[in-house]
Amino acid sequence: HKFKNMINRRIMSLSERRHEIASVLYECSPPLNPIDDWKKVTPAKTLYIAGSLDKKYSFIGRLWEKSGGVNKYVEINDAGHALLVEQPREISSALVGFLKDARIANTLGTSKEISDEDANVVNDVKTD
């Protein structure tokens, strides 16, 4: 019963902010960003995250990982297109894990792609 009330409150909160959320997501859409922003993307430094319910982007993520277009692909179960709203803890965990893996690779000397400065942010990050 307590869980159901929490879910209902969350649904109401999201529905009240739906226009605001839609606006933010729309502005983040890749076609709306200058092509120069995408020229700086380095596959070895790229983590691609998609929700399992977002068929288009999860399909793209799997293809890019297989082709070497991204370093790592993470698929978040039971999430659609609005990952940050739907599964924020899982997104945080995926990001922190990716950065920690990069830092370990740098420490072992197996990777020069991500600098210690880039990966150093994970020292104090907690996902719980």
C-alpha atoms as a PDB file:
ATOM      1  CA  HIS A   1       0.000   0.000   0.000  1.00  0.00           C
ATOM      2  CA  LYS A   2       2.827   2.388   0.915  1.00  0.00           C
ATOM      3  CA  PHE A   3       4.612   1.618  -2.370  1.00  0.00           C
ATOM      4  CA  LYS A   4       1.432   2.212  -4.370  1.00  0.00           C
ATOM      5  CA  ASN A   5       0.983   5.643  -2.728  1.00  0.00           C
ATOM      6  CA  MET A   6       4.581   6.536  -3.517  1.00  0.00           C
ATOM      7  CA  ILE A   7       4.124   5.533  -7.160  1.00  0.00           C
ATOM      8  CA  ASN A   8       0.907   7.539  -7.428  1.00  0.00           C
ATOM      9  CA  ARG A   9       2.634  10.630  -5.986  1.00  0.00           C
ATOM     10  CA  ARG A  10       5.508  10.178  -8.447  1.00  0.00           C
ATOM     11  CA  ILE A  11       3.118   9.848 -11.382  1.00  0.00           C
ATOM     12  CA  MET A  12       1.300  13.008 -10.343  1.00  0.00           C
ATOM     13  CA  SER A  13       4.572  14.899  -9.939  1.00  0.00           C
ATOM     14  CA  LEU A  14       5.834  13.807 -13.356  1.00  0.00           C
ATOM     15  CA  SER A  15       2.519  14.522 -15.047  1.00  0.00           C
ATOM     16  CA  GLU A  16       2.472  18.035 -13.600  1.00  0.00           C
ATOM     17  CA  ARG A  17       5.987  18.638 -14.950  1.00  0.00           C
ATOM     18  CA  ARG A  18       5.465  16.862 -18.287  1.00  0.00           C
ATOM     19  CA  HIS A  19       5.872  19.987 -20.439  1.00  0.00           C
ATOM     20  CA  GLU A  20       9.036  20.988 -18.613  1.00  0.00           C
ATOM     21  CA  ILE A  21      10.500  17.483 -18.917  1.00  0.00           C
ATOM     22  CA  ALA A  22       9.546  17.234 -22.583  1.00  0.00           C
ATOM     23  CA  SER A  23      11.201  20.599 -23.276  1.00  0.00           C
ATOM     24  CA  VAL A  24      14.474  19.545 -21.653  1.00  0.00           C
ATOM     25  CA  LEU A  25      14.523  16.229 -23.500  1.00  0.00           C
ATOM     26  CA  TYR A  26      13.721  17.963 -26.798  1.00  0.00           C
ATOM     27  CA  GLU A  27      16.575  20.460 -26.372  1.00  0.00           C
ATOM     28  CA  CYS A  28      19.002  17.572 -25.723  1.00  0.00           C
ATOM     29  CA  SER A  29      18.065  15.832 -28.960  1.00  0.00           C
ATOM     30  CA  PRO A  30      21.162  15.156 -31.124  1.00  0.00           C
ATOM     31  CA  PRO A  31      19.678  16.724 -34.287  1.00  0.00           C
ATOM     32  CA  LEU A  32      19.264  20.015 -32.410  1.00  0.00           C
ATOM     33  CA  ASN A  33      22.941  20.180 -31.451  1.00  0.00           C
ATOM     34  CA  PRO A  34      25.598  21.546 -33.802  1.00  0.00           C
ATOM     35  CA  ILE A  35      27.480  18.902 -35.782  1.00  0.00           C
ATOM     36  CA  ASP A  36      30.727  20.285 -34.354  1.00  0.00           C
ATOM     37  CA  ASP A  37      29.686  18.990 -30.913  1.00  0.00           C
ATOM     38  CA  TRP A  38      29.610  15.455 -32.285  1.00  0.00           C
ATOM     39  CA  LYS A  39      32.977  15.715 -34.075  1.00  0.00           C
ATOM     40  CA  LYS A  40      34.720  15.773 -30.682  1.00  0.00           C
ATOM     41  CA  VAL A  41      33.265  12.424 -29.582  1.00  0.00           C
ATOM     42  CA  THR A  42      35.953   9.781 -29.151  1.00  0.00           C
ATOM     43  CA  PRO A  43      34.610   6.196 -29.276  1.00  0.00           C
ATOM     44  CA  ALA A  44      37.160   4.975 -26.715  1.00  0.00           C
ATOM     45  CA  LYS A  45      35.855   7.549 -24.232  1.00  0.00           C
ATOM     46  CA  THR A  46      32.151   7.012 -24.927  1.00  0.00           C
ATOM     47  CA  LEU A  47      29.606   5.248 -22.756  1.00  0.00           C
ATOM     48  CA  TYR A  48      26.278   4.725 -24.524  1.00  0.00           C
ATOM     49  CA  ILE A  49      23.271   4.115 -22.274  1.00  0.00           C
ATOM     50  CA  ALA A  50      19.777   3.212 -23.476  1.00  0.00           C
ATOM     51  CA  GLY A  51      16.624   1.863 -21.912  1.00  0.00           C
ATOM     52  CA  SER A  52      15.500  -1.647 -22.827  1.00  0.00           C
ATOM     53  CA  LEU A  53      12.042  -0.307 -23.691  1.00  0.00           C
ATOM     54  CA  ASP A  54      13.489   2.236 -26.130  1.00  0.00           C
ATOM     55  CA  LYS A  55      13.804  -0.100 -29.101  1.00  0.00           C
ATOM     56  CA  LYS A  56      15.398   2.445 -31.441  1.00  0.00           C
ATOM     57  CA  TYR A  57      18.238   3.596 -29.197  1.00  0.00           C
ATOM     58  CA  SER A  58      18.907   0.218 -27.586  1.00  0.00           C
ATOM     59  CA  PHE A  59      19.271  -1.249 -31.094  1.00  0.00           C
ATOM     60  CA  ILE A  60      21.677   1.565 -32.054  1.00  0.00           C
ATOM     61  CA  GLY A  61      23.672   1.077 -28.843  1.00  0.00           C
ATOM     62  CA  ARG A  62      24.163  -2.638 -29.466  1.00  0.00           C
ATOM     63  CA  LEU A  63      25.250  -1.965 -33.060  1.00  0.00           C
ATOM     64  CA  TRP A  64      27.677   0.773 -32.051  1.00  0.00           C
ATOM     65  CA  GLU A  65      29.233  -1.400 -29.348  1.00  0.00           C
ATOM     66  CA  LYS A  66      29.743  -4.280 -31.807  1.00  0.00           C
ATOM     67  CA  SER A  67      31.240  -1.957 -34.432  1.00  0.00           C
ATOM     68  CA  GLY A  68      33.575  -0.167 -32.003  1.00  0.00           C
ATOM     69  CA  GLY A  69      31.656   3.099 -32.214  1.00  0.00           C
ATOM     70  CA  VAL A  70      31.483   3.276 -28.420  1.00  0.00           C
ATOM     71  CA  ASN A  71      33.659   1.928 -25.621  1.00  0.00           C
ATOM     72  CA  LYS A  72      30.765   0.400 -23.707  1.00  0.00           C
ATOM     73  CA  TYR A  73      27.018  -0.010 -24.097  1.00  0.00           C
ATOM     74  CA  VAL A  74      24.773  -0.332 -21.037  1.00  0.00           C
ATOM     75  CA  GLU A  75      21.109  -1.232 -21.348  1.00  0.00           C
ATOM     76  CA  ILE A  76      18.908  -0.236 -18.408  1.00  0.00           C
ATOM     77  CA  ASN A  77      16.081  -2.697 -17.823  1.00  0.00           C
ATOM     78  CA  ASP A  78      12.501  -1.465 -17.621  1.00  0.00           C
ATOM     79  CA  ALA A  79      13.401   2.019 -18.864  1.00  0.00           C
ATOM     80  CA  GLY A  80      12.363   3.842 -21.993  1.00  0.00           C
ATOM     81  CA  HIS A  81      13.639   7.050 -23.533  1.00  0.00           C
ATOM     82  CA  ALA A  82      13.616   9.269 -20.409  1.00  0.00           C
ATOM     83  CA  LEU A  83      16.366   7.407 -18.572  1.00  0.00           C
ATOM     84  CA  LEU A  84      17.296  10.155 -16.141  1.00  0.00           C
ATOM     85  CA  VAL A  85      13.706  10.416 -14.980  1.00  0.00           C
ATOM     86  CA  GLU A  86      12.910   6.695 -15.025  1.00  0.00           C
ATOM     87  CA  GLN A  87      16.068   5.120 -13.599  1.00  0.00           C
ATOM     88  CA  PRO A  88      18.404   7.796 -12.136  1.00  0.00           C
ATOM     89  CA  ARG A  89      20.241   5.420  -9.772  1.00  0.00           C
ATOM     90  CA  GLU A  90      20.989   2.953 -12.542  1.00  0.00           C
ATOM     91  CA  ILE A  91      22.311   5.769 -14.747  1.00  0.00           C
ATOM     92  CA  SER A  92      24.515   6.996 -11.914  1.00  0.00           C
ATOM     93  CA  SER A  93      25.827   3.479 -11.282  1.00  0.00           C
ATOM     94  CA  ALA A  94      26.606   2.973 -14.985  1.00  0.00           C
ATOM     95  CA  LEU A  95      28.487   6.288 -15.171  1.00  0.00           C
ATOM     96  CA  VAL A  96      30.474   5.698 -11.998  1.00  0.00           C
ATOM     97  CA  GLY A  97      31.313   2.141 -13.074  1.00  0.00           C
ATOM     98  CA  PHE A  98      32.500   3.355 -16.472  1.00  0.00           C
ATOM     99  CA  LEU A  99      34.713   6.024 -14.918  1.00  0.00           C
ATOM    100  CA  LYS A 100      36.118   3.625 -12.316  1.00  0.00           C
ATOM    101  CA  ASP A 101      36.939   1.085 -15.046  1.00  0.00           C
ATOM    102  CA  ALA A 102      38.717   3.839 -16.977  1.00  0.00           C
ATOM    103  CA  ARG A 103      40.686   4.854 -13.907  1.00  0.00           C
ATOM    104  CA  ILE A 104      41.736   1.254 -13.210  1.00  0.00           C
ATOM    105  CA  ALA A 105      42.828   0.852 -16.840  1.00  0.00           C
ATOM    106  CA  ASN A 106      44.914   4.024 -16.530  1.00  0.00           C
ATOM    107  CA  THR A 107      46.477   2.845 -13.269  1.00  0.00           C
ATOM    108  CA  LEU A 108      47.433  -0.496 -14.844  1.00  0.00           C
ATOM    109  CA  GLY A 109      48.784   1.265 -17.900  1.00  0.00           C
ATOM    110  CA  THR A 110      46.429  -0.598 -20.218  1.00  0.00           C
ATOM    111  CA  SER A 111      44.698   2.514 -21.508  1.00  0.00           C
ATOM    112  CA  LYS A 112      45.814   6.011 -22.382  1.00  0.00           C
ATOM    113  CA  GLU A 113      42.420   7.008 -23.761  1.00  0.00           C
ATOM    114  CA  ILE A 114      40.942   8.505 -20.572  1.00  0.00           C
ATOM    115  CA  SER A 115      43.230  10.639 -18.442  1.00  0.00           C
ATOM    116  CA  ASP A 116      43.460  10.409 -14.667  1.00  0.00           C
ATOM    117  CA  GLU A 117      42.048  13.929 -14.589  1.00  0.00           C
ATOM    118  CA  ASP A 118      38.981  12.806 -16.574  1.00  0.00           C
ATOM    119  CA  ALA A 119      38.397   9.767 -14.370  1.00  0.00           C
ATOM    120  CA  ASN A 120      39.439  11.307 -11.029  1.00  0.00           C
ATOM    121  CA  VAL A 121      35.890  12.504 -10.367  1.00  0.00           C
ATOM    122  CA  VAL A 122      34.882   9.013  -9.201  1.00  0.00           C
ATOM    123  CA  ASN A 123      36.901   9.132  -5.955  1.00  0.00           C
ATOM    124  CA  ASP A 124      34.097  10.642  -3.878  1.00  0.00           C
ATOM    125  CA  VAL A 125      31.059   9.547  -5.863  1.00  0.00           C
ATOM    126  CA  LYS A 126      28.537   7.312  -4.123  1.00  0.00           C
ATOM    127  CA  THR A 127      25.601   5.703  -5.930  1.00  0.00           C
ATOM    128  CA  ASP A 128      23.624   4.541  -2.897  1.00  0.00           C
END
